[in-house]
Amino acid sequence: MPSRVARVTEIIAGSPNSFDDAIKIGFERATKTLRGITGLRIVEFRIAVEDSKITEYRVRMEVIFILEN
């Protein structure tokens, strides 16, 4: 099996609907510029609040991908 080297990039994504939606939005955006994604690690969940109402669900995630030769 050949050697592989991976890189981790951190991104933050948000959605007005849910944490699940924020994760999907972040992942879909990452796939537009990163190739060889092998996994995600959710590092943090946050909620933005305005006028005592939830306005956005935010996730900070690490995107793991294999570097090309």
C-alpha atoms as a PDB file:
ATOM      1  CA  MET A   1       0.000   0.000   0.000  1.00  0.00           C
ATOM      2  CA  PRO A   2       1.471   3.400  -0.963  1.00  0.00           C
ATOM      3  CA  SER A   3       2.095   6.048   1.685  1.00  0.00           C
ATOM      4  CA  ARG A   4      -0.469   8.813   2.095  1.00  0.00           C
ATOM      5  CA  VAL A   5      -0.251  12.250   3.636  1.00  0.00           C
ATOM      6  CA  ALA A   6      -3.347  14.106   4.780  1.00  0.00           C
ATOM      7  CA  ARG A   7      -4.048  17.745   5.504  1.00  0.00           C
ATOM      8  CA  VAL A   8      -6.630  19.270   7.821  1.00  0.00           C
ATOM      9  CA  THR A   9      -8.391  22.530   7.004  1.00  0.00           C
ATOM     10  CA  GLU A  10     -10.748  24.244   9.407  1.00  0.00           C
ATOM     11  CA  ILE A  11     -13.961  25.875   8.199  1.00  0.00           C
ATOM     12  CA  ILE A  12     -16.962  27.494   9.846  1.00  0.00           C
ATOM     13  CA  ALA A  13     -20.449  27.144   8.377  1.00  0.00           C
ATOM     14  CA  GLY A  14     -23.820  28.457   9.438  1.00  0.00           C
ATOM     15  CA  SER A  15     -27.502  27.854   8.797  1.00  0.00           C
ATOM     16  CA  PRO A  16     -30.691  29.464  10.082  1.00  0.00           C
ATOM     17  CA  ASN A  17     -32.314  25.996  10.231  1.00  0.00           C
ATOM     18  CA  SER A  18     -30.191  23.500  12.202  1.00  0.00           C
ATOM     19  CA  PHE A  19     -26.752  22.170  13.078  1.00  0.00           C
ATOM     20  CA  ASP A  20     -27.266  19.321  10.584  1.00  0.00           C
ATOM     21  CA  ASP A  21     -27.953  21.836   7.843  1.00  0.00           C
ATOM     22  CA  ALA A  22     -24.859  23.866   8.781  1.00  0.00           C
ATOM     23  CA  ILE A  23     -22.717  20.710   8.517  1.00  0.00           C
ATOM     24  CA  LYS A  24     -24.173  19.877   5.096  1.00  0.00           C
ATOM     25  CA  ILE A  25     -23.631  23.443   3.853  1.00  0.00           C
ATOM     26  CA  GLY A  26     -20.015  23.412   5.045  1.00  0.00           C
ATOM     27  CA  PHE A  27     -19.321  20.005   3.525  1.00  0.00           C
ATOM     28  CA  GLU A  28     -20.902  20.895   0.164  1.00  0.00           C
ATOM     29  CA  ARG A  29     -18.856  24.086  -0.008  1.00  0.00           C
ATOM     30  CA  ALA A  30     -15.638  22.256   0.898  1.00  0.00           C
ATOM     31  CA  THR A  31     -16.168  19.737  -1.927  1.00  0.00           C
ATOM     32  CA  LYS A  32     -16.107  22.607  -4.446  1.00  0.00           C
ATOM     33  CA  THR A  33     -12.456  23.436  -3.730  1.00  0.00           C
ATOM     34  CA  LEU A  34     -10.966  20.399  -1.953  1.00  0.00           C
ATOM     35  CA  ARG A  35     -10.376  17.003  -3.544  1.00  0.00           C
ATOM     36  CA  GLY A  36      -9.834  13.705  -1.752  1.00  0.00           C
ATOM     37  CA  ILE A  37     -11.900  14.490   1.354  1.00  0.00           C
ATOM     38  CA  THR A  38     -11.823  11.488   3.683  1.00  0.00           C
ATOM     39  CA  GLY A  39     -13.611  12.824   6.741  1.00  0.00           C
ATOM     40  CA  LEU A  40     -14.895  15.646   8.899  1.00  0.00           C
ATOM     41  CA  ARG A  41     -14.511  16.336  12.594  1.00  0.00           C
ATOM     42  CA  ILE A  42     -16.975  18.680  14.232  1.00  0.00           C
ATOM     43  CA  VAL A  43     -14.962  20.761  16.686  1.00  0.00           C
ATOM     44  CA  GLU A  44     -17.560  23.197  18.008  1.00  0.00           C
ATOM     45  CA  PHE A  45     -21.259  24.019  17.946  1.00  0.00           C
ATOM     46  CA  ARG A  46     -22.439  27.619  18.469  1.00  0.00           C
ATOM     47  CA  ILE A  47     -25.718  29.476  18.254  1.00  0.00           C
ATOM     48  CA  ALA A  48     -26.155  33.134  17.303  1.00  0.00           C
ATOM     49  CA  VAL A  49     -28.937  34.932  19.165  1.00  0.00           C
ATOM     50  CA  GLU A  50     -30.601  38.276  18.441  1.00  0.00           C
ATOM     51  CA  ASP A  51     -33.544  39.748  20.341  1.00  0.00           C
ATOM     52  CA  SER A  52     -33.841  36.552  22.422  1.00  0.00           C
ATOM     53  CA  LYS A  53     -34.270  34.417  19.293  1.00  0.00           C
ATOM     54  CA  ILE A  54     -31.964  31.917  17.639  1.00  0.00           C
ATOM     55  CA  THR A  55     -30.827  33.392  14.332  1.00  0.00           C
ATOM     56  CA  GLU A  56     -28.118  30.969  13.217  1.00  0.00           C
ATOM     57  CA  TYR A  57     -26.685  27.542  14.026  1.00  0.00           C
ATOM     58  CA  ARG A  58     -22.909  27.476  13.498  1.00  0.00           C
ATOM     59  CA  VAL A  59     -20.396  24.662  13.353  1.00  0.00           C
ATOM     60  CA  ARG A  60     -16.623  24.774  13.295  1.00  0.00           C
ATOM     61  CA  MET A  61     -15.282  21.707  11.535  1.00  0.00           C
ATOM     62  CA  GLU A  62     -12.031  20.185  10.384  1.00  0.00           C
ATOM     63  CA  VAL A  63     -12.035  18.831   6.845  1.00  0.00           C
ATOM     64  CA  ILE A  64      -9.510  16.018   6.323  1.00  0.00           C
ATOM     65  CA  PHE A  65      -8.252  15.338   2.810  1.00  0.00           C
ATOM     66  CA  ILE A  66      -5.410  13.423   1.155  1.00  0.00           C
ATOM     67  CA  LEU A  67      -2.694  15.449  -0.535  1.00  0.00           C
ATOM     68  CA  GLU A  68      -2.138  14.613  -4.181  1.00  0.00           C
ATOM     69  CA  ASN A  69       1.228  13.346  -5.427  1.00  0.00           C
END
